[in-house]
Amino acid sequence: MPLTRPIANPPLAMPKGVQFSLIDRSKLVRCIITHAGLEKLAKRRLTINQFERTFLTHRDRIETTASRKYDASAVFYTPITITPADLVAYQAPTRLTHTA
């Protein structure tokens, strides 16, 4: 079941990355995207002052990745850590278009 975004608990920039929360029914699931994960999405080096803005820009992809990683895990460990490898492994499949 996909995790959902809580109304409270805004994302928090930290030296390691951005900590955020998602919800599984009534259970709060703590997550973090690493500094390296944020830089992969931004395609450039970032300072801590840029973490939150980058997180908000890519929030849907980050949260979808966290949800897919959570669903794929047989055992749940908190926090769910999103790394650059996760952004590749859990990305949405691309649609192939055929040209005539």
Protein backbone atom coordinates (compact mmCIF):
# COMPACT_ATOMS: atom_id res chain seq x y z
CA MET A 1 0.00 0.00 0.00
CA PRO A 2 1.49 3.38 -0.92
CA LEU A 3 2.58 5.67 1.86
CA THR A 4 0.89 9.06 2.04
CA ARG A 5 2.05 12.55 2.96
CA PRO A 6 1.09 13.71 6.46
CA ILE A 7 -0.54 17.07 7.05
CA ALA A 8 1.89 17.88 9.88
CA ASN A 9 5.62 17.08 10.14
CA PRO A 10 7.27 19.29 7.50
CA PRO A 11 10.61 18.20 5.97
CA LEU A 12 13.72 19.13 7.94
CA ALA A 13 17.09 19.87 6.33
CA MET A 14 20.04 18.38 8.23
CA PRO A 15 23.73 17.99 7.35
CA LYS A 16 23.06 14.35 6.25
CA GLY A 17 20.14 15.28 3.98
CA VAL A 18 16.42 15.96 4.47
CA GLN A 19 14.36 14.10 7.03
CA PHE A 20 10.66 13.71 6.22
CA SER A 21 7.71 11.59 7.28
CA LEU A 22 5.10 9.55 5.46
CA ILE A 23 2.09 7.64 6.79
CA ASP A 24 1.12 3.99 6.47
CA ARG A 25 -2.54 4.07 7.54
CA SER A 26 -2.09 5.44 11.08
CA LYS A 27 1.62 4.60 11.45
CA LEU A 28 4.20 7.38 11.02
CA VAL A 29 7.15 6.27 8.87
CA ARG A 30 10.34 8.30 9.25
CA CYS A 31 12.42 8.75 6.10
CA ILE A 32 15.56 10.58 5.00
CA ILE A 33 17.00 11.37 1.60
CA THR A 34 20.77 11.64 1.73
CA HIS A 35 22.84 14.61 0.70
CA ALA A 36 24.11 12.52 -2.24
CA GLY A 37 20.54 11.64 -3.25
CA LEU A 38 19.57 15.31 -3.31
CA GLU A 39 22.65 16.14 -5.39
CA LYS A 40 21.74 13.39 -7.87
CA LEU A 41 18.30 14.92 -8.34
CA ALA A 42 19.66 18.48 -8.58
CA LYS A 43 22.50 17.34 -10.89
CA ARG A 44 24.93 19.58 -9.03
CA ARG A 45 26.66 20.08 -5.69
CA LEU A 46 24.44 21.48 -2.93
CA THR A 47 24.91 23.24 0.37
CA ILE A 48 22.63 22.54 3.33
CA ASN A 49 20.82 25.82 2.57
CA GLN A 50 19.69 24.33 -0.77
CA PHE A 51 18.49 20.95 0.59
CA GLU A 52 14.93 21.92 1.46
CA ARG A 53 14.28 23.72 -1.84
CA THR A 54 15.67 20.73 -3.77
CA PHE A 55 13.53 18.36 -1.69
CA LEU A 56 10.39 20.39 -2.42
CA THR A 57 11.20 20.53 -6.14
CA HIS A 58 11.57 16.73 -6.31
CA ARG A 59 9.19 15.82 -3.47
CA ASP A 60 6.86 13.58 -5.48
CA ARG A 61 9.72 11.46 -6.83
CA ILE A 62 11.40 11.25 -3.41
CA GLU A 63 8.19 10.23 -1.63
CA THR A 64 7.27 7.74 -4.36
CA THR A 65 10.73 6.20 -4.07
CA ALA A 66 10.38 5.94 -0.28
CA SER A 67 6.94 4.36 -0.64
CA ARG A 68 8.16 1.79 -3.16
CA LYS A 69 11.19 0.95 -1.02
CA TYR A 70 8.91 0.53 2.01
CA ASP A 71 6.51 -1.72 0.10
CA ALA A 72 9.35 -3.84 -1.32
CA SER A 73 10.95 -4.41 2.08
CA ALA A 74 10.05 -7.57 3.99
CA VAL A 75 11.40 -5.99 7.17
CA PHE A 76 10.87 -2.35 8.09
CA TYR A 77 13.77 -0.37 9.56
CA THR A 78 13.43 3.27 10.46
CA PRO A 79 14.32 5.64 8.99
CA ILE A 80 13.88 4.58 5.39
CA THR A 81 17.02 5.98 3.78
CA ILE A 82 16.84 7.11 0.16
CA THR A 83 20.21 7.03 -1.62
CA PRO A 84 21.18 7.77 -5.23
CA ALA A 85 20.92 4.03 -5.99
CA ASP A 86 17.31 3.99 -4.73
CA LEU A 87 16.39 6.84 -7.07
CA VAL A 88 17.45 4.59 -9.96
CA ALA A 89 16.13 1.27 -8.61
CA TYR A 90 12.69 2.56 -7.68
CA GLN A 91 12.08 5.05 -10.47
CA ALA A 92 8.84 4.89 -12.38
CA PRO A 93 9.01 2.91 -15.61
CA THR A 94 9.31 5.08 -18.68
CA ARG A 95 6.76 4.78 -21.43
CA LEU A 96 8.05 3.92 -24.85
CA THR A 97 6.41 5.74 -27.68
CA HIS A 98 6.34 4.34 -31.17
CA THR A 99 6.60 6.63 -34.13
CA ALA A 100 5.02 5.72 -37.39
